[in-house]
Amino acid sequence: MNSNHLLLEEPIRMSSILEPPKPSFFPAMTKIVGTLGPKSRSVEIISGCLKSGMSVARFDFSWGDSEFHQQTLENLKIAVKSTKKLCAIMLDTGGPELQVVNKTEQPISLEADTKVILTPDQDKQATSNLLPINFHGLSKAVKKGDTIFIGQYLFTGNETTSVWLEVAELSGEDVVCLIKNSATLSGPLYTLHVSQIRIDMPTLTDKDKEVISTWGVRNNIDFLSLSYTRHAEDIRHARAFLSKLGELNRTQIFAKIENIEGLTHFDEILQEADGIILSRGNLGIDLPTEKVFLFQKAAIYKCNMVGKPAVVNRVVDSMTDNLRPTRAEATDVANAVLDGSDAIILGAETLRGLYPVETVSTVGKICAEAEKVFNQDLYFKKTVKYVGEPMSHLESIASSAVRAAIKVKASAIICFTSTGRAARLIAKYRPTLPVISVVIPRLKTNQLHWTFSGAFEARQSLIVRGLFPMLADPRHPAESKTGTNESVLKVALDHGKASGVIKPHDRVVVCQKLGDASVVKILELEA
C-alpha cells in the first residue's frame, strides 16, 4: 500500500503526477472540519460533505441562534445514520468578537478617502457615514493612526467586501476613521478587528456560557473551540466551567489563536489546551503578512512534538463563490499538510459557500496528494529526538508500532484502546498508513445508573490525522489476560477490509495491552 509513497527530496516522475487518484474509503489522512450554516444544513448537503471526507461538524455561535443550529444538528444526525459515517461536533464560541450591527441588513457602500464613525450606540442605523458596533470601550482602546479592519465572516481579504480603516480622531465613545479603500458591506455579519490592540472583554463571555450550558449540554459536544484565546488561564477557566456540566467534563478544548497576545503566550496555552486552531484570518491582520507562514510552521511543529492536534483555517476562500480554488490556495492546503497539520477547517467555504460538497472533496484530494510526499522518515526521527530518552512505556510502544508497520509495509495499524490515548500516541508519529482505533467502551456508574463510555473517545479521534475510530462491542475488554481477543480483532479486520484498507495477504500491525504488558504484533493475513 505504501510503496507508492515518495519524498519531496526524491525525483518525482512526471507520469506519476498524471496518474488518477485511486478511490478510497478514507479520502485523506488529514481531517476536514466543515462549518455548517445556511448553505450546508440540509440532510442532502451534509450527507455529501460526510461522504467527501468531513469528519467534524463545526457550529459557529458568533452568528445564528441555538434553534437554528439545533435544526442543523438534527439534520446532521440523520445524515450520519444514512451514510454510516461518524462525525464529531465542535462548538465555536463567539468570544470577545467585535461586530458591526447592521439591523436592516441592507448593503452599505464605503468610499475611499472619506470618513466613517464607529459608534457603540446600537440603536442608530448603519449608514455609509456611521457604523454601530457591539463594544463600548473602543475609543479607550485605540489611538490616532491605529488600523481597523472590517470584513465578512472573519476576513475574506477581498477588497470589495472588506475595508481598511485608519483612526483619525476620537470623539467621546465614538471613533472617527478614514476609509482606506472603497468597499460594500452586505449581509448581517461583519466582524471588526483592531490590529495589535487588546480588547478588554472576557474570552468566555456570558453569552458563550449560556450557549454551552444549554445547547452544548443538550448535544454532548465533543470539542469546544475557544475563540480569541489569549492566556493559559482562559483554557483553565473554560475547563473549570465545563467540569460542572456533567458529560462535558470530557469535552476537549481547542485554543483558537487569533492575535499577538495568543501568539505571545502560545507555549503556556499549548500546555493547557487539548489542541490548537490557527486562525490565520485574524492573525493575518495582527502579524505582518510575511510572518504568518513562520508562525504556522513553528506552531504546528510544537503541536506535533507534544502530540496535540494542530488545525489550520482560511485555506480556500475563493471556493465560497467558485467551483475551483486558486493555484495559490491549492498549494497552501498542500503546504499545511506537509507542515504537519492534523485537520483543515472550512469556514465561509461551507457555511455560506455555493459549493460546500465540492469544497470538502477538493480539499480532501489535495490533502491526499500532499500526504504521498510527506517525509515521514525525517518526521519520525525529529519526534523521537524531541521525546528523548528514556521514553515512557506507552511512547516506546507507539513509536515501535509505527516503525514496525512501515518496515514490513503493513496496510494498517489496529490499536485497541479504551481512552484513545494509545491510538493518539501512535498517530503522533505520523504513520503513512491508517490507524484503526478500536475503542472498547467502559462500564461506569454515578451510583444511580450504569452507562458506557467510549463514544466521546471515538468521536474525538476524528480530528487527529491518520486516526480512524470504530466503537467495539462493550463485552470485549480492551485489556486481555490471555491474548488478543480474536472476535473483536476479526471485527476490526472486517472493518478494514470493507473499507478497502486491508486486502488478502496484507500485513497488519496490532497494538494491545495484555495484562500489565503492551504488545505489538505483526499479522500476515490469509486470502
Protein backbone atom coordinates (compact mmCIF):
# COMPACT_ATOMS: atom_id res chain seq x y z
CA MET A 1 0.00 0.00 0.00
CA ASN A 2 2.84 2.34 0.83
CA SER A 3 5.28 1.51 -1.98
CA ASN A 4 3.96 4.47 -3.96
CA HIS A 5 4.95 6.98 -1.29
CA LEU A 6 7.64 9.39 -2.47
CA LEU A 7 9.59 12.04 -0.63
CA LEU A 8 9.76 15.59 -1.87
CA GLU A 9 13.56 15.22 -1.87
CA GLU A 10 13.30 12.38 -4.42
CA PRO A 11 12.81 12.92 -8.17
CA ILE A 12 9.09 12.77 -8.94
CA ARG A 13 8.21 11.08 -12.21
CA MET A 14 6.02 13.31 -14.35
CA SER A 15 3.92 10.28 -15.26
CA SER A 16 3.04 9.75 -11.58
CA ILE A 17 1.55 13.25 -11.48
CA LEU A 18 -0.81 12.29 -14.29
CA GLU A 19 -1.99 9.07 -12.60
CA PRO A 20 -5.63 9.37 -11.49
CA PRO A 21 -6.17 9.09 -7.71
CA LYS A 22 -7.48 5.75 -6.50
CA PRO A 23 -10.89 5.72 -4.78
CA SER A 24 -10.66 5.17 -1.03
CA PHE A 25 -12.99 4.85 1.94
CA PHE A 26 -10.73 7.37 3.71
CA PRO A 27 -10.37 10.31 1.28
CA ALA A 28 -7.28 11.53 3.18
CA MET A 29 -5.40 11.00 6.45
CA THR A 30 -5.76 14.73 7.18
CA LYS A 31 -9.18 15.51 8.64
CA ILE A 32 -11.66 18.11 7.42
CA VAL A 33 -13.79 20.25 9.74
CA GLY A 34 -16.82 21.68 7.95
CA THR A 35 -18.73 24.70 9.27
CA LEU A 36 -22.46 24.08 8.84
CA GLY A 37 -24.73 27.02 8.02
CA PRO A 38 -27.31 28.38 5.59
CA LYS A 39 -25.82 26.69 2.51
CA SER A 40 -24.89 23.41 4.19
CA ARG A 41 -27.65 22.43 6.59
CA SER A 42 -29.88 20.14 4.53
CA VAL A 43 -29.60 16.36 5.01
CA GLU A 44 -28.59 16.01 1.36
CA ILE A 45 -25.73 18.53 1.53
CA ILE A 46 -24.46 17.28 4.90
CA SER A 47 -24.53 13.68 3.59
CA GLY A 48 -22.48 14.81 0.60
CA CYS A 49 -19.95 16.51 2.88
CA LEU A 50 -19.65 13.37 5.06
CA LYS A 51 -19.11 11.14 2.02
CA SER A 52 -16.50 13.57 0.69
CA GLY A 53 -14.47 13.43 3.89
CA MET A 54 -15.88 15.79 6.54
CA SER A 55 -15.36 14.19 9.95
CA VAL A 56 -16.10 17.12 12.30
CA ALA A 57 -19.08 19.49 12.05
CA ARG A 58 -18.42 22.98 13.38
CA PHE A 59 -21.24 25.14 14.73
CA ASP A 60 -20.20 28.79 14.85
CA PHE A 61 -22.12 30.70 17.53
CA SER A 62 -20.75 34.10 16.53
CA TRP A 63 -23.92 34.20 14.41
CA GLY A 64 -27.27 32.37 14.39
CA ASP A 65 -29.33 31.28 17.40
CA SER A 66 -29.50 27.95 19.21
CA GLU A 67 -32.72 26.93 17.46
CA PHE A 68 -31.17 27.41 14.02
CA HIS A 69 -28.08 25.37 14.96
CA GLN A 70 -30.22 22.68 16.61
CA GLN A 71 -32.21 22.16 13.42
CA THR A 72 -28.94 21.83 11.51
CA LEU A 73 -27.64 19.32 14.06
CA GLU A 74 -30.78 17.19 13.79
CA ASN A 75 -30.18 17.02 10.04
CA LEU A 76 -26.57 16.03 10.73
CA LYS A 77 -27.76 13.11 12.89
CA ILE A 78 -29.98 11.88 10.05
CA ALA A 79 -27.08 12.21 7.60
CA VAL A 80 -24.72 10.29 9.92
CA LYS A 81 -27.19 7.41 10.14
CA SER A 82 -27.82 7.24 6.41
CA THR A 83 -24.14 7.47 5.39
CA LYS A 84 -22.81 5.38 8.32
CA LYS A 85 -20.02 7.96 8.74
CA LEU A 86 -19.02 9.06 12.24
CA CYS A 87 -18.96 12.81 12.81
CA ALA A 88 -17.86 14.82 15.84
CA ILE A 89 -19.43 18.11 16.99
CA MET A 90 -17.44 21.30 17.57
CA LEU A 91 -18.99 24.35 19.23
CA ASP A 92 -17.15 27.53 18.28
CA THR A 93 -17.68 30.34 20.77
CA GLY A 94 -18.29 33.95 19.76
CA GLY A 95 -15.78 35.19 22.33
CA PRO A 96 -14.80 38.85 22.60
CA GLU A 97 -15.57 39.43 18.93
CA LEU A 98 -16.36 42.97 17.79
CA GLN A 99 -19.16 43.20 15.25
CA VAL A 100 -20.80 45.85 13.10
CA VAL A 101 -24.52 45.95 13.92
CA ASN A 102 -26.47 46.27 10.68
CA LYS A 103 -30.08 45.59 11.68
CA THR A 104 -31.52 46.40 8.26
CA GLU A 105 -29.04 44.04 6.53
CA GLN A 106 -29.03 46.49 3.62
CA PRO A 107 -25.71 46.89 1.73
CA ILE A 108 -23.51 49.74 2.98
CA SER A 109 -21.20 51.44 0.49
CA LEU A 110 -17.99 52.95 1.86
CA GLU A 111 -15.92 55.29 -0.31
CA ALA A 112 -12.13 55.57 -0.08
CA ASP A 113 -10.70 58.79 1.38
CA THR A 114 -13.97 59.66 3.17
CA LYS A 115 -14.68 59.31 6.89
CA VAL A 116 -16.91 56.94 8.84
CA ILE A 117 -17.82 56.99 12.53
CA LEU A 118 -17.76 53.81 14.64
CA THR A 119 -20.25 54.25 17.50
CA PRO A 120 -21.31 51.97 20.38
CA ASP A 121 -24.88 53.32 20.05
CA GLN A 122 -26.56 50.21 18.59
CA ASP A 123 -29.92 51.99 18.31
CA LYS A 124 -28.58 54.04 15.41
CA GLN A 125 -28.96 52.81 11.85
CA ALA A 126 -25.89 51.70 9.90
CA THR A 127 -25.08 54.06 7.01
CA SER A 128 -22.13 54.95 4.79
CA ASN A 129 -21.05 57.52 7.41
CA LEU A 130 -21.98 55.71 10.63
CA LEU A 131 -21.38 52.09 11.73
CA PRO A 132 -22.81 50.95 15.11
CA ILE A 133 -20.66 48.32 16.88
CA ASN A 134 -21.25 45.99 19.86
CA PHE A 135 -18.49 47.37 22.12
CA HIS A 136 -18.40 50.49 24.32
CA GLY A 137 -14.67 50.59 25.02
CA LEU A 138 -13.23 51.02 21.53
CA SER A 139 -12.42 54.72 21.93
CA LYS A 140 -10.37 53.90 25.06
CA ALA A 141 -8.52 51.03 23.37
CA VAL A 142 -7.35 52.76 20.19
CA LYS A 143 -5.34 55.87 19.34
CA LYS A 144 -4.89 58.05 16.27
CA GLY A 145 -3.15 56.15 13.45
CA ASP A 146 -4.27 52.67 14.56
CA THR A 147 -5.53 50.27 11.89
CA ILE A 148 -9.03 48.76 12.00
CA PHE A 149 -10.23 46.07 9.60
CA ILE A 150 -13.85 45.16 8.88
CA GLY A 151 -14.74 42.03 6.94
CA GLN A 152 -17.49 39.49 6.36
CA TYR A 153 -17.44 36.22 8.33
CA LEU A 154 -13.98 36.87 9.65
CA PHE A 155 -11.91 38.22 6.80
CA THR A 156 -12.13 37.29 3.16
CA GLY A 157 -9.33 39.63 2.15
CA ASN A 158 -11.44 40.52 -0.86
CA GLU A 159 -11.23 44.29 -1.14
CA THR A 160 -14.78 44.62 -2.49
CA THR A 161 -16.28 43.26 0.74
CA SER A 162 -13.59 44.16 3.28
CA VAL A 163 -12.45 47.60 4.35
CA TRP A 164 -9.32 49.02 5.98
CA LEU A 165 -9.80 52.00 8.30
CA GLU A 166 -7.30 54.32 9.95
CA VAL A 167 -8.23 56.01 13.22
CA ALA A 168 -8.37 59.78 12.50
CA GLU A 169 -9.76 61.13 15.80
CA LEU A 170 -11.57 60.16 19.00
CA SER A 171 -14.84 61.85 19.96
CA GLY A 172 -16.20 60.64 23.31
CA GLU A 173 -17.17 56.99 22.79
CA ASP A 174 -17.12 57.41 19.01
CA VAL A 175 -14.12 56.65 16.81
CA VAL A 176 -13.77 58.65 13.58
CA CYS A 177 -11.91 56.73 10.86
CA LEU A 178 -10.51 57.44 7.41
CA ILE A 179 -11.62 54.84 4.85
CA LYS A 180 -8.55 53.46 3.01
CA ASN A 181 -10.36 51.51 0.26
CA SER A 182 -13.82 51.50 -1.32
CA ALA A 183 -15.99 48.52 -0.34
CA THR A 184 -19.57 47.38 0.02
CA LEU A 185 -20.62 45.70 3.26
CA SER A 186 -23.62 43.47 2.63
CA GLY A 187 -25.27 40.93 4.91
CA PRO A 188 -25.88 40.73 8.66
CA LEU A 189 -22.45 39.74 10.00
CA TYR A 190 -19.37 41.91 9.72
CA THR A 191 -16.59 41.46 12.25
CA LEU A 192 -14.19 44.19 13.28
CA HIS A 193 -10.52 43.65 14.14
CA VAL A 194 -8.20 46.24 15.64
CA SER A 195 -4.60 45.37 14.83
CA GLN A 196 -2.45 44.52 17.89
CA ILE A 197 -4.85 46.09 20.41
CA ARG A 198 -6.15 44.25 23.48
CA ILE A 199 -9.93 44.29 23.80
CA ASP A 200 -10.95 44.28 27.46
CA MET A 201 -13.65 41.61 27.28
CA PRO A 202 -13.67 38.09 28.81
CA THR A 203 -12.59 35.26 26.49
CA LEU A 204 -15.56 33.14 27.59
CA THR A 205 -18.44 35.61 27.59
CA ASP A 206 -21.77 35.30 29.42
CA LYS A 207 -23.43 34.55 26.08
CA ASP A 208 -20.88 31.77 25.42
CA LYS A 209 -21.57 30.26 28.85
CA GLU A 210 -25.31 30.28 28.23
CA VAL A 211 -24.89 28.55 24.85
CA ILE A 212 -22.54 25.90 26.27
CA SER A 213 -24.71 25.17 29.32
CA THR A 214 -27.85 24.76 27.17
CA TRP A 215 -27.07 23.79 23.56
CA GLY A 216 -23.70 22.28 24.42
CA VAL A 217 -25.03 20.12 27.27
CA ARG A 218 -28.05 19.01 25.27
CA ASN A 219 -25.83 17.80 22.42
CA ASN A 220 -22.80 16.47 24.35
CA ILE A 221 -20.33 18.47 22.28
CA ASP A 222 -17.01 16.73 21.56
CA PHE A 223 -14.92 19.89 21.06
CA LEU A 224 -15.09 23.46 22.32
CA SER A 225 -13.28 25.94 20.07
CA LEU A 226 -12.35 28.78 22.40
CA SER A 227 -12.23 31.92 20.25
CA TYR A 228 -9.60 34.59 20.96
CA THR A 229 -7.64 32.50 23.46
CA ARG A 230 -5.02 34.88 24.87
CA HIS A 231 -3.66 33.17 28.00
CA ALA A 232 -3.41 29.69 29.51
CA GLU A 233 -5.80 30.94 32.20
CA ASP A 234 -8.50 31.22 29.50
CA ILE A 235 -8.27 27.44 28.99
CA ARG A 236 -8.26 26.72 32.72
CA HIS A 237 -11.31 28.92 33.21
CA ALA A 238 -13.19 27.21 30.37
CA ARG A 239 -12.25 23.75 31.68
CA ALA A 240 -13.45 24.62 35.18
CA PHE A 241 -16.74 25.78 33.67
CA LEU A 242 -17.16 22.57 31.62
CA SER A 243 -16.31 20.38 34.62
CA LYS A 244 -19.57 21.46 36.28
CA LEU A 245 -21.68 20.46 33.28
CA GLY A 246 -21.95 16.67 33.59
CA GLU A 247 -20.70 14.84 30.50
CA LEU A 248 -19.00 17.98 29.19
CA ASN A 249 -16.15 17.39 31.63
CA ARG A 250 -14.78 15.17 28.84
CA THR A 251 -15.18 17.78 26.10
CA GLN A 252 -11.82 18.70 24.57
CA ILE A 253 -10.88 22.39 24.45
CA PHE A 254 -9.14 23.74 21.36
CA ALA A 255 -7.46 27.11 21.78
CA LYS A 256 -8.08 29.42 18.84
CA ILE A 257 -5.01 31.60 18.38
CA GLU A 258 -6.19 34.81 16.70
CA ASN A 259 -3.92 37.66 17.78
CA ILE A 260 -0.50 38.75 19.02
CA GLU A 261 -1.48 38.15 22.64
CA GLY A 262 -2.31 34.49 21.99
CA LEU A 263 0.87 34.10 19.95
CA THR A 264 2.98 35.59 22.76
CA HIS A 265 1.60 33.09 25.29
CA PHE A 266 1.49 30.18 22.84
CA ASP A 267 3.68 27.74 24.82
CA GLU A 268 1.63 28.06 28.03
CA ILE A 269 -1.63 27.82 26.07
CA LEU A 270 -0.45 24.65 24.28
CA GLN A 271 0.36 23.07 27.63
CA GLU A 272 -3.23 23.56 28.86
CA ALA A 273 -5.24 23.04 25.65
CA ASP A 274 -6.20 19.72 24.02
CA GLY A 275 -5.47 21.15 20.58
CA ILE A 276 -4.73 24.37 18.70
CA ILE A 277 -6.60 26.17 15.91
CA LEU A 278 -4.51 28.65 13.93
CA SER A 279 -6.98 31.38 12.99
CA ARG A 280 -4.99 32.75 10.10
CA GLY A 281 -7.61 35.31 9.07
CA ASN A 282 -7.25 37.33 12.25
CA LEU A 283 -3.56 36.56 12.63
CA GLY A 284 -3.02 37.89 9.13
CA ILE A 285 -4.25 41.27 10.39
CA ASP A 286 -2.18 41.32 13.59
CA LEU A 287 1.00 39.94 12.03
CA PRO A 288 2.92 41.33 9.07
CA THR A 289 1.85 39.30 6.02
CA GLU A 290 5.32 37.87 5.50
CA LYS A 291 5.39 36.48 9.06
CA VAL A 292 2.19 34.42 9.00
CA PHE A 293 3.78 31.34 7.40
CA LEU A 294 6.57 31.37 10.01
CA PHE A 295 4.09 31.27 12.87
CA GLN A 296 2.17 28.48 11.12
CA LYS A 297 5.27 26.31 10.78
CA ALA A 298 6.51 27.00 14.31
CA ALA A 299 3.09 26.43 15.93
CA ILE A 300 2.35 23.22 14.01
CA TYR A 301 5.81 21.84 14.85
CA LYS A 302 5.24 22.47 18.57
CA CYS A 303 1.82 20.80 18.43
CA ASN A 304 3.23 17.80 16.55
CA MET A 305 6.04 17.24 19.04
CA VAL A 306 3.69 17.08 22.04
CA GLY A 307 1.08 15.05 20.14
CA LYS A 308 -1.72 17.62 20.20
CA PRO A 309 -3.85 18.28 17.09
CA ALA A 310 -2.98 21.35 15.02
CA VAL A 311 -5.81 22.73 12.90
CA VAL A 312 -5.48 25.36 10.15
CA ASN A 313 -8.25 27.54 8.67
CA ARG A 314 -8.72 30.03 5.81
CA VAL A 315 -7.41 27.83 3.02
CA VAL A 316 -9.74 28.03 0.00
CA ASP A 317 -11.67 31.29 0.47
CA SER A 318 -12.26 31.67 -3.27
CA MET A 319 -14.35 28.47 -3.28
CA THR A 320 -17.02 30.40 -1.40
CA ASP A 321 -18.11 31.61 -4.83
CA ASN A 322 -16.14 29.43 -7.25
CA LEU A 323 -16.03 25.74 -8.11
CA ARG A 324 -12.22 25.61 -8.13
CA PRO A 325 -9.62 27.06 -5.75
CA THR A 326 -6.82 29.29 -6.96
CA ARG A 327 -3.43 27.68 -7.58
CA ALA A 328 -2.07 29.55 -4.55
CA GLU A 329 -4.85 28.15 -2.34
CA ALA A 330 -4.28 24.57 -3.56
CA THR A 331 -0.58 24.95 -2.76
CA ASP A 332 -1.46 26.43 0.65
CA VAL A 333 -3.54 23.37 1.54
CA ALA A 334 -0.71 21.05 0.48
CA ASN A 335 1.83 23.04 2.50
CA ALA A 336 -0.39 22.88 5.60
CA VAL A 337 -0.35 19.07 5.24
CA LEU A 338 3.43 18.99 4.68
CA ASP A 339 3.90 21.25 7.73
CA GLY A 340 2.12 18.58 9.80
CA SER A 341 -1.47 19.83 10.23
CA ASP A 342 -3.96 17.34 11.64
CA ALA A 343 -7.03 18.99 10.14
CA ILE A 344 -8.27 21.75 7.89
CA ILE A 345 -11.22 23.95 8.88
CA LEU A 346 -13.56 25.14 6.16
CA GLY A 347 -15.43 28.24 7.31
CA ALA A 348 -17.21 30.54 4.89
CA GLU A 349 -16.49 27.99 2.14
CA THR A 350 -19.09 25.57 3.54
CA LEU A 351 -21.16 27.87 5.78
CA ARG A 352 -22.33 30.25 3.06
CA GLY A 353 -20.39 28.97 0.04
CA LEU A 354 -22.10 27.89 -3.17
CA TYR A 355 -20.21 24.58 -3.39
CA PRO A 356 -19.84 23.03 0.09
CA VAL A 357 -19.63 19.38 -1.03
CA GLU A 358 -17.22 20.14 -3.86
CA THR A 359 -15.06 22.18 -1.48
CA VAL A 360 -14.74 19.30 1.01
CA SER A 361 -13.97 16.91 -1.84
CA THR A 362 -11.36 19.19 -3.43
CA VAL A 363 -9.54 19.88 -0.15
CA GLY A 364 -9.56 16.14 0.64
CA LYS A 365 -7.97 15.33 -2.72
CA ILE A 366 -5.25 17.95 -2.26
CA CYS A 367 -4.51 16.61 1.24
CA ALA A 368 -4.26 13.04 -0.07
CA GLU A 369 -1.77 14.07 -2.77
CA ALA A 370 0.36 16.01 -0.28
CA GLU A 371 0.41 13.03 2.10
CA LYS A 372 2.04 10.91 -0.61
CA VAL A 373 5.19 13.05 -0.45
CA PHE A 374 5.20 13.73 3.30
CA ASN A 375 8.68 12.89 4.63
CA GLN A 376 7.63 10.50 7.38
CA ASP A 377 11.15 9.18 7.96
CA LEU A 378 12.53 12.64 8.74
CA TYR A 379 9.45 13.49 10.83
CA PHE A 380 9.79 10.23 12.81
CA LYS A 381 13.44 10.93 13.63
CA LYS A 382 12.65 14.50 14.74
CA THR A 383 9.84 13.29 17.00
CA VAL A 384 11.94 10.54 18.60
CA LYS A 385 14.77 13.03 19.18
CA TYR A 386 12.36 15.55 20.74
CA VAL A 387 10.87 12.93 23.10
CA GLY A 388 14.37 11.90 24.20
CA GLU A 389 15.39 9.02 26.43
CA PRO A 390 14.31 7.22 28.43
CA MET A 391 10.95 7.07 26.65
CA SER A 392 7.80 6.32 28.59
CA HIS A 393 6.44 2.80 28.22
CA LEU A 394 3.49 3.88 26.06
CA GLU A 395 5.60 6.22 23.92
CA SER A 396 8.06 3.41 23.22
CA ILE A 397 5.28 1.01 22.21
CA ALA A 398 3.62 3.62 19.95
CA SER A 399 6.83 4.53 18.11
CA SER A 400 7.78 0.85 17.76
CA ALA A 401 4.38 0.02 16.26
CA VAL A 402 4.78 2.75 13.64
CA ARG A 403 8.35 1.76 12.78
CA ALA A 404 7.39 -1.92 12.50
CA ALA A 405 4.38 -1.13 10.31
CA ILE A 406 6.49 0.89 7.88
CA LYS A 407 9.33 -1.67 7.80
CA VAL A 408 7.02 -4.60 6.96
CA LYS A 409 4.90 -2.43 4.61
CA ALA A 410 1.73 -3.09 6.62
CA SER A 411 -1.55 -1.80 5.23
CA ALA A 412 -2.91 -0.67 8.62
CA ILE A 413 -2.25 -0.45 12.33
CA ILE A 414 -5.02 -1.69 14.61
CA CYS A 415 -4.92 -0.28 18.13
CA PHE A 416 -7.20 -1.42 20.96
CA THR A 417 -7.89 1.37 23.43
CA SER A 418 -10.44 2.49 25.99
CA THR A 419 -9.32 6.10 26.48
CA GLY A 420 -7.94 6.78 23.00
CA ARG A 421 -4.55 7.78 24.41
CA ALA A 422 -2.58 4.87 22.91
CA ALA A 423 -4.07 5.46 19.45
CA ARG A 424 -3.29 9.21 19.61
CA LEU A 425 0.31 8.41 20.56
CA ILE A 426 0.64 6.14 17.51
CA ALA A 427 -0.84 8.86 15.30
CA LYS A 428 1.67 11.33 16.77
CA TYR A 429 4.43 9.53 14.84
CA ARG A 430 2.54 10.14 11.58
CA PRO A 431 2.48 6.64 10.03
CA THR A 432 1.86 6.69 6.29
CA LEU A 433 -0.93 4.15 6.77
CA PRO A 434 -4.31 4.36 8.54
CA VAL A 435 -4.51 3.69 12.28
CA ILE A 436 -7.78 1.91 13.04
CA SER A 437 -8.55 2.83 16.63
CA VAL A 438 -10.80 0.18 18.19
CA VAL A 439 -12.39 1.94 21.15
CA ILE A 440 -13.61 -0.53 23.78
CA PRO A 441 -16.39 1.03 25.90
CA ARG A 442 -16.01 1.02 29.68
CA LEU A 443 -18.86 0.46 32.10
CA LYS A 444 -19.20 3.20 34.69
CA THR A 445 -21.72 4.37 37.27
CA ASN A 446 -22.68 7.52 39.13
CA GLN A 447 -24.35 5.30 41.79
CA LEU A 448 -27.75 5.98 40.21
CA HIS A 449 -27.38 4.26 36.85
CA TRP A 450 -24.84 2.48 34.67
CA THR A 451 -23.51 3.93 31.42
CA PHE A 452 -20.88 3.01 28.84
CA SER A 453 -18.07 5.38 27.93
CA GLY A 454 -16.39 5.21 24.55
CA ALA A 455 -18.47 7.25 22.12
CA PHE A 456 -16.77 10.51 23.20
CA GLU A 457 -13.32 8.94 22.82
CA ALA A 458 -14.15 7.55 19.38
CA ARG A 459 -15.51 10.85 18.04
CA GLN A 460 -12.60 12.84 19.47
CA SER A 461 -10.25 10.78 17.29
CA LEU A 462 -11.93 12.27 14.23
CA ILE A 463 -9.78 15.40 14.33
CA VAL A 464 -6.46 13.53 14.61
CA ARG A 465 -4.55 12.92 11.38
CA GLY A 466 -4.45 9.27 10.31
CA LEU A 467 -6.75 8.04 13.09
CA PHE A 468 -9.97 6.25 12.12
CA PRO A 469 -12.08 5.08 15.08
CA MET A 470 -14.58 2.29 15.41
CA LEU A 471 -16.62 1.57 18.52
CA ALA A 472 -16.38 -2.05 19.64
CA ASP A 473 -18.87 -4.23 21.48
CA PRO A 474 -18.59 -3.36 25.21
CA ARG A 475 -18.40 -7.07 26.03
CA HIS A 476 -14.86 -7.15 24.59
CA PRO A 477 -12.17 -5.97 27.04
CA ALA A 478 -9.52 -3.51 25.90
CA GLU A 479 -7.06 -5.48 28.02
CA SER A 480 -6.74 -9.25 27.83
CA LYS A 481 -5.07 -11.67 30.24
CA THR A 482 -4.52 -14.44 27.70
CA GLY A 483 -4.07 -12.84 24.29
CA THR A 484 -5.66 -10.72 21.62
CA ASN A 485 -9.41 -11.08 21.72
CA GLU A 486 -9.92 -12.89 18.43
CA SER A 487 -13.56 -11.90 17.94
CA VAL A 488 -13.02 -8.14 18.29
CA LEU A 489 -9.87 -8.37 16.15
CA LYS A 490 -11.90 -10.09 13.44
CA VAL A 491 -14.45 -7.25 13.60
CA ALA A 492 -11.65 -4.70 13.18
CA LEU A 493 -10.11 -6.63 10.28
CA ASP A 494 -13.52 -6.95 8.62
CA HIS A 495 -13.98 -3.19 9.03
CA GLY A 496 -10.63 -2.62 7.36
CA LYS A 497 -11.46 -4.99 4.53
CA ALA A 498 -14.88 -3.46 3.95
CA SER A 499 -13.31 -0.01 3.72
CA GLY A 500 -10.73 -1.22 1.21
CA VAL A 501 -7.76 -0.54 3.50
CA ILE A 502 -6.92 -4.19 4.20
CA LYS A 503 -6.66 -6.80 1.42
CA PRO A 504 -5.86 -10.53 1.30
CA HIS A 505 -2.21 -11.37 2.10
CA ASP A 506 -1.64 -7.90 3.62
CA ARG A 507 0.32 -7.43 6.80
CA VAL A 508 -1.33 -5.69 9.73
CA VAL A 509 0.27 -4.43 12.94
CA VAL A 510 -1.81 -4.89 16.10
CA CYS A 511 -1.17 -2.95 19.30
CA GLN A 512 -2.89 -4.10 22.50
CA LYS A 513 -2.43 -4.41 26.24
CA LEU A 514 -2.01 -7.98 27.52
CA GLY A 515 -2.36 -7.88 31.28
CA ASP A 516 0.30 -5.48 32.51
CA ALA A 517 2.26 -5.55 29.26
CA SER A 518 1.72 -3.77 25.96
CA VAL A 519 2.34 -5.86 22.87
CA VAL A 520 2.95 -5.08 19.19
CA LYS A 521 2.07 -7.99 16.88
CA ILE A 522 2.52 -8.36 13.12
CA LEU A 523 -0.18 -10.42 11.40
CA GLU A 524 0.06 -11.79 7.87
CA LEU A 525 -3.43 -12.30 6.55
CA GLU A 526 -4.59 -15.25 4.54
CA ALA A 527 -6.59 -14.98 1.34
